[in-house]
Amino acid sequence: MKKTREESFPTLAEVEAEVMAEGREWTRKRMEERLQELAERQSEVFPPKPRAAKASAQVSISTNHRHRRR
């Protein structure tokens, strides 16, 4: 019994693309798990929450050098 055109096998390129996509997804999940594990060891949250910007240190200006001329 011959296979019809509808039952044809995927091409090598199609199989390769499918497997590569699966590999990328597996790698992404594995990296996420590993980073979460490391963050938990440090008692931090992953992904890290953005920190609020802090004001820069204030600079004190000495006024001793300012003398008024009369």
C-alpha atoms as a PDB file:
ATOM      1  CA  MET A   1       0.000   0.000   0.000  1.00  0.00           C
ATOM      2  CA  LYS A   2       1.500   3.319  -1.102  1.00  0.00           C
ATOM      3  CA  LYS A   3       1.297   6.386   1.078  1.00  0.00           C
ATOM      4  CA  THR A   4      -0.623   9.296  -0.326  1.00  0.00           C
ATOM      5  CA  ARG A   5       0.726  12.829  -0.558  1.00  0.00           C
ATOM      6  CA  GLU A   6      -1.210  13.862   2.603  1.00  0.00           C
ATOM      7  CA  GLU A   7       0.629  11.241   4.670  1.00  0.00           C
ATOM      8  CA  SER A   8       4.099  12.352   3.618  1.00  0.00           C
ATOM      9  CA  PHE A   9       6.842  12.655   6.181  1.00  0.00           C
ATOM     10  CA  PRO A  10       8.210  16.024   7.273  1.00  0.00           C
ATOM     11  CA  THR A  11      11.393  17.174   5.622  1.00  0.00           C
ATOM     12  CA  LEU A  12      14.701  17.081   7.427  1.00  0.00           C
ATOM     13  CA  ALA A  13      14.642  20.888   7.657  1.00  0.00           C
ATOM     14  CA  GLU A  14      11.182  20.790   9.302  1.00  0.00           C
ATOM     15  CA  VAL A  15      12.282  18.172  11.832  1.00  0.00           C
ATOM     16  CA  GLU A  16      15.436  20.141  12.572  1.00  0.00           C
ATOM     17  CA  ALA A  17      13.480  23.379  13.105  1.00  0.00           C
ATOM     18  CA  GLU A  18      11.018  21.614  15.436  1.00  0.00           C
ATOM     19  CA  VAL A  19      13.766  19.994  17.511  1.00  0.00           C
ATOM     20  CA  MET A  20      15.790  23.217  17.710  1.00  0.00           C
ATOM     21  CA  ALA A  21      12.716  25.113  18.970  1.00  0.00           C
ATOM     22  CA  GLU A  22      12.141  22.442  21.623  1.00  0.00           C
ATOM     23  CA  GLY A  23      15.797  22.691  22.644  1.00  0.00           C
ATOM     24  CA  ARG A  24      15.641  26.474  22.996  1.00  0.00           C
ATOM     25  CA  GLU A  25      12.520  26.219  25.179  1.00  0.00           C
ATOM     26  CA  TRP A  26      14.129  23.521  27.358  1.00  0.00           C
ATOM     27  CA  THR A  27      17.260  25.657  27.734  1.00  0.00           C
ATOM     28  CA  ARG A  28      15.220  28.741  28.651  1.00  0.00           C
ATOM     29  CA  LYS A  29      13.290  26.825  31.329  1.00  0.00           C
ATOM     30  CA  ARG A  30      16.451  25.246  32.711  1.00  0.00           C
ATOM     31  CA  MET A  31      18.191  28.618  32.949  1.00  0.00           C
ATOM     32  CA  GLU A  32      15.163  30.118  34.702  1.00  0.00           C
ATOM     33  CA  GLU A  33      15.134  27.226  37.212  1.00  0.00           C
ATOM     34  CA  ARG A  34      18.869  27.549  37.860  1.00  0.00           C
ATOM     35  CA  LEU A  35      18.701  31.311  38.354  1.00  0.00           C
ATOM     36  CA  GLN A  36      15.723  30.899  40.691  1.00  0.00           C
ATOM     37  CA  GLU A  37      17.687  28.327  42.693  1.00  0.00           C
ATOM     38  CA  LEU A  38      20.621  30.730  43.032  1.00  0.00           C
ATOM     39  CA  ALA A  39      18.332  33.620  43.980  1.00  0.00           C
ATOM     40  CA  GLU A  40      16.683  31.501  46.690  1.00  0.00           C
ATOM     41  CA  ARG A  41      20.109  30.661  48.108  1.00  0.00           C
ATOM     42  CA  GLN A  42      20.726  34.381  48.490  1.00  0.00           C
ATOM     43  CA  SER A  43      17.173  34.980  49.786  1.00  0.00           C
ATOM     44  CA  GLU A  44      16.403  37.189  46.830  1.00  0.00           C
ATOM     45  CA  VAL A  45      13.548  37.200  44.356  1.00  0.00           C
ATOM     46  CA  PHE A  46      13.966  36.282  40.699  1.00  0.00           C
ATOM     47  CA  PRO A  47      13.495  38.190  38.551  1.00  0.00           C
ATOM     48  CA  PRO A  48      14.793  40.965  40.789  1.00  0.00           C
ATOM     49  CA  LYS A  49      12.479  43.832  41.536  1.00  0.00           C
ATOM     50  CA  PRO A  50      13.750  47.159  40.220  1.00  0.00           C
ATOM     51  CA  ARG A  51      15.202  49.301  42.959  1.00  0.00           C
ATOM     52  CA  ALA A  52      14.022  52.851  43.429  1.00  0.00           C
ATOM     53  CA  ALA A  53      16.603  55.421  42.475  1.00  0.00           C
ATOM     54  CA  LYS A  54      18.234  56.982  45.498  1.00  0.00           C
ATOM     55  CA  ALA A  55      19.082  60.644  45.702  1.00  0.00           C
ATOM     56  CA  SER A  56      22.760  61.290  45.312  1.00  0.00           C
ATOM     57  CA  ALA A  57      24.671  62.359  48.400  1.00  0.00           C
ATOM     58  CA  GLN A  58      24.248  65.996  49.257  1.00  0.00           C
ATOM     59  CA  VAL A  59      27.289  68.149  48.917  1.00  0.00           C
ATOM     60  CA  SER A  60      27.922  70.669  51.643  1.00  0.00           C
ATOM     61  CA  ILE A  61      29.226  73.983  50.423  1.00  0.00           C
ATOM     62  CA  SER A  62      31.443  75.856  52.751  1.00  0.00           C
ATOM     63  CA  THR A  63      30.677  79.578  52.810  1.00  0.00           C
ATOM     64  CA  ASN A  64      33.821  80.545  54.716  1.00  0.00           C
ATOM     65  CA  HIS A  65      35.561  81.558  51.512  1.00  0.00           C
ATOM     66  CA  ARG A  66      32.856  84.036  50.579  1.00  0.00           C
ATOM     67  CA  HIS A  67      33.708  87.485  51.909  1.00  0.00           C
ATOM     68  CA  ARG A  68      31.748  90.512  50.967  1.00  0.00           C
ATOM     69  CA  ARG A  69      33.715  93.395  49.670  1.00  0.00           C
ATOM     70  CA  ARG A  70      32.563  96.762  50.766  1.00  0.00           C
END
